[in-house]
Amino acid sequence: PDLLLLVPSCRAKEIKTKLGTLLQKPDSAIDFIITYPEKPEKPPKAQKPSPEEALQWRDSLEKLLQNPYGLTSFHSFLRSEFSEENIEFWVACEDYKKTKSPVKMAEKAKKIYEEFIQTEAPKEVNIDHFTKAVTMKNLVEPSPSSFDMAQKRIFALMEKDSLPRFVRSEFYQELIK
């Protein structure tokens, strides 16, 4: 179902117009900034996993990301390698998918696009041209699945590339002792 139908039609048209224009003319993005307050990031009060639990992460990025301690550890590891944009994009997509309000969804979609997807974005993720094009097309009418293809590509990249490096890291080795 079209989530924008839930918004009064003039507001929906405004959002659609802003996103459509933004996606067509990235240079004029400054005219279309939608601001909203940022919540300060609170580190999760995560319990250190047992060595057995941490051992499961070697073969499952999904299990690693589902565990608050694992997610925090993996993020710290990627930050130490200056490659945290992938995990930050993945987390932003997870948060985005939980958004119920179409207005908030449009705001978050725009923020994710500007931070991770658009060319020269501050934390631009490495996705192929086709995936970027599909994602941009999806953003004309944001839905919970707008970033699915890009998120899957980044997950696969982290699984193939970042997870093996994390598993070899000193920090991970300490967790499984």
C-alpha atoms as a PDB file:
ATOM      1  CA  PRO A   1       0.000   0.000   0.000  1.00  0.00           C
ATOM      2  CA  ASP A   2       1.104   3.538  -0.697  1.00  0.00           C
ATOM      3  CA  LEU A   3       2.019   4.967   2.688  1.00  0.00           C
ATOM      4  CA  LEU A   4       1.767   8.501   1.389  1.00  0.00           C
ATOM      5  CA  LEU A   5      -2.003   7.995   1.122  1.00  0.00           C
ATOM      6  CA  LEU A   6      -2.069   8.204   4.916  1.00  0.00           C
ATOM      7  CA  VAL A   7      -0.774  11.773   4.804  1.00  0.00           C
ATOM      8  CA  PRO A   8      -3.102  14.606   3.859  1.00  0.00           C
ATOM      9  CA  SER A   9      -2.787  14.832   0.091  1.00  0.00           C
ATOM     10  CA  CYS A  10      -1.229  18.324  -0.059  1.00  0.00           C
ATOM     11  CA  ARG A  11       1.514  17.221   2.367  1.00  0.00           C
ATOM     12  CA  ALA A  12       2.072  14.006   0.413  1.00  0.00           C
ATOM     13  CA  LYS A  13       2.417  15.977  -2.821  1.00  0.00           C
ATOM     14  CA  GLU A  14       4.866  18.351  -1.145  1.00  0.00           C
ATOM     15  CA  ILE A  15       7.026  15.450   0.097  1.00  0.00           C
ATOM     16  CA  LYS A  16       6.846  13.706  -3.279  1.00  0.00           C
ATOM     17  CA  THR A  17       7.767  16.924  -5.095  1.00  0.00           C
ATOM     18  CA  LYS A  18      10.667  17.651  -2.750  1.00  0.00           C
ATOM     19  CA  LEU A  19      12.061  14.128  -3.026  1.00  0.00           C
ATOM     20  CA  GLY A  20      11.500  13.975  -6.778  1.00  0.00           C
ATOM     21  CA  THR A  21      13.237  17.293  -7.287  1.00  0.00           C
ATOM     22  CA  LEU A  22      16.039  16.340  -4.922  1.00  0.00           C
ATOM     23  CA  LEU A  23      16.662  13.086  -6.750  1.00  0.00           C
ATOM     24  CA  GLN A  24      16.735  14.859 -10.116  1.00  0.00           C
ATOM     25  CA  LYS A  25      18.849  17.873  -9.146  1.00  0.00           C
ATOM     26  CA  PRO A  26      21.285  17.038  -6.336  1.00  0.00           C
ATOM     27  CA  ASP A  27      22.946  20.501  -6.624  1.00  0.00           C
ATOM     28  CA  SER A  28      19.780  22.218  -5.437  1.00  0.00           C
ATOM     29  CA  ALA A  29      19.432  19.960  -2.379  1.00  0.00           C
ATOM     30  CA  ILE A  30      19.950  22.920  -0.050  1.00  0.00           C
ATOM     31  CA  ASP A  31      16.467  24.219  -0.968  1.00  0.00           C
ATOM     32  CA  PHE A  32      14.838  21.003   0.180  1.00  0.00           C
ATOM     33  CA  ILE A  33      16.367  20.345   3.564  1.00  0.00           C
ATOM     34  CA  ILE A  34      13.894  18.907   6.033  1.00  0.00           C
ATOM     35  CA  THR A  35      15.204  19.369   9.548  1.00  0.00           C
ATOM     36  CA  TYR A  36      14.360  17.304  12.595  1.00  0.00           C
ATOM     37  CA  PRO A  37      16.025  16.946  15.971  1.00  0.00           C
ATOM     38  CA  GLU A  38      18.692  14.293  16.325  1.00  0.00           C
ATOM     39  CA  LYS A  39      18.576  11.933  19.234  1.00  0.00           C
ATOM     40  CA  PRO A  40      21.914  11.550  20.999  1.00  0.00           C
ATOM     41  CA  GLU A  41      23.302   8.073  20.523  1.00  0.00           C
ATOM     42  CA  LYS A  42      23.315   6.118  23.776  1.00  0.00           C
ATOM     43  CA  PRO A  43      25.615   3.124  23.858  1.00  0.00           C
ATOM     44  CA  PRO A  44      23.604   0.003  24.669  1.00  0.00           C
ATOM     45  CA  LYS A  45      24.156  -1.459  28.112  1.00  0.00           C
ATOM     46  CA  ALA A  46      25.176  -4.732  26.559  1.00  0.00           C
ATOM     47  CA  GLN A  47      26.294  -7.768  28.458  1.00  0.00           C
ATOM     48  CA  LYS A  48      29.550  -9.358  27.342  1.00  0.00           C
ATOM     49  CA  PRO A  49      28.746 -12.587  25.496  1.00  0.00           C
ATOM     50  CA  SER A  50      29.981 -16.003  26.520  1.00  0.00           C
ATOM     51  CA  PRO A  51      32.914 -17.342  24.446  1.00  0.00           C
ATOM     52  CA  GLU A  52      30.469 -19.892  22.956  1.00  0.00           C
ATOM     53  CA  GLU A  53      28.079 -17.148  21.870  1.00  0.00           C
ATOM     54  CA  ALA A  54      30.896 -15.041  20.416  1.00  0.00           C
ATOM     55  CA  LEU A  55      32.167 -18.093  18.511  1.00  0.00           C
ATOM     56  CA  GLN A  56      28.856 -18.198  16.611  1.00  0.00           C
ATOM     57  CA  TRP A  57      29.627 -14.772  15.152  1.00  0.00           C
ATOM     58  CA  ARG A  58      32.446 -16.211  13.024  1.00  0.00           C
ATOM     59  CA  ASP A  59      29.919 -17.829  10.715  1.00  0.00           C
ATOM     60  CA  SER A  60      26.960 -15.481  11.059  1.00  0.00           C
ATOM     61  CA  LEU A  61      27.073 -11.735  10.569  1.00  0.00           C
ATOM     62  CA  GLU A  62      23.334 -11.810  11.320  1.00  0.00           C
ATOM     63  CA  LYS A  63      23.931 -13.241  14.826  1.00  0.00           C
ATOM     64  CA  LEU A  64      26.705 -10.715  15.408  1.00  0.00           C
ATOM     65  CA  LEU A  65      24.454  -7.783  14.440  1.00  0.00           C
ATOM     66  CA  GLN A  66      21.524  -9.075  16.527  1.00  0.00           C
ATOM     67  CA  ASN A  67      23.659  -9.017  19.659  1.00  0.00           C
ATOM     68  CA  PRO A  68      23.990  -5.479  21.130  1.00  0.00           C
ATOM     69  CA  TYR A  69      27.525  -6.201  22.387  1.00  0.00           C
ATOM     70  CA  GLY A  70      28.467  -7.741  19.045  1.00  0.00           C
ATOM     71  CA  LEU A  71      27.065  -4.804  17.103  1.00  0.00           C
ATOM     72  CA  THR A  72      28.937  -2.302  19.287  1.00  0.00           C
ATOM     73  CA  SER A  73      32.163  -4.331  19.046  1.00  0.00           C
ATOM     74  CA  PHE A  74      31.897  -4.675  15.270  1.00  0.00           C
ATOM     75  CA  HIS A  75      31.183  -0.936  14.912  1.00  0.00           C
ATOM     76  CA  SER A  76      34.236  -0.081  17.052  1.00  0.00           C
ATOM     77  CA  PHE A  77      36.377  -2.445  15.002  1.00  0.00           C
ATOM     78  CA  LEU A  78      35.201  -0.884  11.717  1.00  0.00           C
ATOM     79  CA  ARG A  79      35.780   2.606  13.134  1.00  0.00           C
ATOM     80  CA  SER A  80      39.371   1.589  13.945  1.00  0.00           C
ATOM     81  CA  GLU A  81      39.746   0.679  10.257  1.00  0.00           C
ATOM     82  CA  PHE A  82      38.032   3.891   9.075  1.00  0.00           C
ATOM     83  CA  SER A  83      35.256   1.879   7.409  1.00  0.00           C
ATOM     84  CA  GLU A  84      32.296   2.363   9.752  1.00  0.00           C
ATOM     85  CA  GLU A  85      30.007   3.783   7.042  1.00  0.00           C
ATOM     86  CA  ASN A  86      28.738   0.310   6.121  1.00  0.00           C
ATOM     87  CA  ILE A  87      27.573  -0.642   9.610  1.00  0.00           C
ATOM     88  CA  GLU A  88      26.154   2.848  10.180  1.00  0.00           C
ATOM     89  CA  PHE A  89      24.187   2.588   6.928  1.00  0.00           C
ATOM     90  CA  TRP A  90      22.917  -0.882   7.894  1.00  0.00           C
ATOM     91  CA  VAL A  91      21.808   0.372  11.342  1.00  0.00           C
ATOM     92  CA  ALA A  92      20.148   3.454   9.798  1.00  0.00           C
ATOM     93  CA  CYS A  93      18.208   1.163   7.419  1.00  0.00           C
ATOM     94  CA  GLU A  94      17.071  -1.045  10.306  1.00  0.00           C
ATOM     95  CA  ASP A  95      15.826   2.042  12.164  1.00  0.00           C
ATOM     96  CA  TYR A  96      14.177   3.370   8.988  1.00  0.00           C
ATOM     97  CA  LYS A  97      12.226   0.119   8.462  1.00  0.00           C
ATOM     98  CA  LYS A  98      10.661   0.490  11.931  1.00  0.00           C
ATOM     99  CA  THR A  99       9.339   3.994  11.147  1.00  0.00           C
ATOM    100  CA  LYS A 100       5.543   4.147  11.017  1.00  0.00           C
ATOM    101  CA  SER A 101       4.829   7.807  10.204  1.00  0.00           C
ATOM    102  CA  PRO A 102       5.055   8.566   6.451  1.00  0.00           C
ATOM    103  CA  VAL A 103       6.353  12.071   7.229  1.00  0.00           C
ATOM    104  CA  LYS A 104       9.103  10.731   9.502  1.00  0.00           C
ATOM    105  CA  MET A 105       9.846   8.027   6.927  1.00  0.00           C
ATOM    106  CA  ALA A 106      10.346  10.670   4.230  1.00  0.00           C
ATOM    107  CA  GLU A 107      12.596  12.671   6.579  1.00  0.00           C
ATOM    108  CA  LYS A 108      14.706   9.621   7.464  1.00  0.00           C
ATOM    109  CA  ALA A 109      14.868   8.508   3.822  1.00  0.00           C
ATOM    110  CA  LYS A 110      16.214  11.926   2.839  1.00  0.00           C
ATOM    111  CA  LYS A 111      18.779  11.872   5.640  1.00  0.00           C
ATOM    112  CA  ILE A 112      19.975   8.350   4.725  1.00  0.00           C
ATOM    113  CA  TYR A 113      20.152   9.337   1.062  1.00  0.00           C
ATOM    114  CA  GLU A 114      22.195  12.462   1.808  1.00  0.00           C
ATOM    115  CA  GLU A 115      24.498  10.770   4.307  1.00  0.00           C
ATOM    116  CA  PHE A 116      25.167   7.436   2.572  1.00  0.00           C
ATOM    117  CA  ILE A 117      23.829   7.164  -1.001  1.00  0.00           C
ATOM    118  CA  GLN A 118      24.281  10.376  -2.989  1.00  0.00           C
ATOM    119  CA  THR A 119      27.557  10.877  -4.839  1.00  0.00           C
ATOM    120  CA  GLU A 120      30.132  12.529  -2.561  1.00  0.00           C
ATOM    121  CA  ALA A 121      27.971  11.840   0.525  1.00  0.00           C
ATOM    122  CA  PRO A 122      29.924  12.269   3.785  1.00  0.00           C
ATOM    123  CA  LYS A 123      29.709   8.519   4.482  1.00  0.00           C
ATOM    124  CA  GLU A 124      29.045   7.248   0.969  1.00  0.00           C
ATOM    125  CA  VAL A 125      28.652   3.464   0.865  1.00  0.00           C
ATOM    126  CA  ASN A 126      30.086   1.460  -1.989  1.00  0.00           C
ATOM    127  CA  ILE A 127      27.100   0.250  -4.025  1.00  0.00           C
ATOM    128  CA  ASP A 128      26.925  -0.378  -7.745  1.00  0.00           C
ATOM    129  CA  HIS A 129      25.243   2.021 -10.154  1.00  0.00           C
ATOM    130  CA  PHE A 130      22.184  -0.210 -10.662  1.00  0.00           C
ATOM    131  CA  THR A 131      21.540  -0.529  -6.904  1.00  0.00           C
ATOM    132  CA  LYS A 132      21.943   3.230  -6.474  1.00  0.00           C
ATOM    133  CA  ALA A 133      19.486   3.883  -9.330  1.00  0.00           C
ATOM    134  CA  VAL A 134      16.890   1.469  -7.908  1.00  0.00           C
ATOM    135  CA  THR A 135      17.264   3.026  -4.444  1.00  0.00           C
ATOM    136  CA  MET A 136      16.833   6.557  -5.805  1.00  0.00           C
ATOM    137  CA  LYS A 137      13.720   5.448  -7.729  1.00  0.00           C
ATOM    138  CA  ASN A 138      12.331   3.879  -4.528  1.00  0.00           C
ATOM    139  CA  LEU A 139      12.782   7.169  -2.686  1.00  0.00           C
ATOM    140  CA  VAL A 140      10.283   9.023  -4.861  1.00  0.00           C
ATOM    141  CA  GLU A 141       7.620   7.269  -2.777  1.00  0.00           C
ATOM    142  CA  PRO A 142       9.398   6.094   0.412  1.00  0.00           C
ATOM    143  CA  SER A 143       8.286   2.759   1.838  1.00  0.00           C
ATOM    144  CA  PRO A 144       9.804   0.434   4.465  1.00  0.00           C
ATOM    145  CA  SER A 145      11.550  -1.461   1.652  1.00  0.00           C
ATOM    146  CA  SER A 146      13.077   1.591  -0.105  1.00  0.00           C
ATOM    147  CA  PHE A 147      16.632   0.730   0.967  1.00  0.00           C
ATOM    148  CA  ASP A 148      16.337  -3.088   0.941  1.00  0.00           C
ATOM    149  CA  MET A 149      18.481  -3.730  -2.132  1.00  0.00           C
ATOM    150  CA  ALA A 150      21.248  -1.366  -1.004  1.00  0.00           C
ATOM    151  CA  GLN A 151      21.123  -2.749   2.545  1.00  0.00           C
ATOM    152  CA  LYS A 152      21.453  -6.331   1.237  1.00  0.00           C
ATOM    153  CA  ARG A 153      24.457  -5.329  -0.893  1.00  0.00           C
ATOM    154  CA  ILE A 154      26.174  -3.693   2.088  1.00  0.00           C
ATOM    155  CA  PHE A 155      25.357  -6.679   4.334  1.00  0.00           C
ATOM    156  CA  ALA A 156      26.957  -9.007   1.754  1.00  0.00           C
ATOM    157  CA  LEU A 157      30.003  -6.740   1.547  1.00  0.00           C
ATOM    158  CA  MET A 158      30.431  -6.723   5.343  1.00  0.00           C
ATOM    159  CA  GLU A 159      29.902 -10.495   5.476  1.00  0.00           C
ATOM    160  CA  LYS A 160      32.498 -11.196   2.773  1.00  0.00           C
ATOM    161  CA  ASP A 161      35.039  -8.517   3.668  1.00  0.00           C
ATOM    162  CA  SER A 162      34.671  -6.995   7.149  1.00  0.00           C
ATOM    163  CA  LEU A 163      33.539 -10.027   9.174  1.00  0.00           C
ATOM    164  CA  PRO A 164      36.637 -12.149   8.360  1.00  0.00           C
ATOM    165  CA  ARG A 165      38.901  -9.236   9.392  1.00  0.00           C
ATOM    166  CA  PHE A 166      36.888  -8.730  12.595  1.00  0.00           C
ATOM    167  CA  VAL A 167      37.178 -12.445  13.444  1.00  0.00           C
ATOM    168  CA  ARG A 168      40.972 -12.226  13.061  1.00  0.00           C
ATOM    169  CA  SER A 169      41.154  -9.103  15.248  1.00  0.00           C
ATOM    170  CA  GLU A 170      42.707  -9.108  18.710  1.00  0.00           C
ATOM    171  CA  PHE A 171      39.473  -7.873  20.285  1.00  0.00           C
ATOM    172  CA  TYR A 172      37.430 -10.765  18.907  1.00  0.00           C
ATOM    173  CA  GLN A 173      40.149 -13.246  19.885  1.00  0.00           C
ATOM    174  CA  GLU A 174      39.843 -12.000  23.492  1.00  0.00           C
ATOM    175  CA  LEU A 175      36.065 -12.602  23.436  1.00  0.00           C
ATOM    176  CA  ILE A 176      36.381 -16.279  22.542  1.00  0.00           C
ATOM    177  CA  LYS A 177      38.966 -17.155  25.234  1.00  0.00           C
END
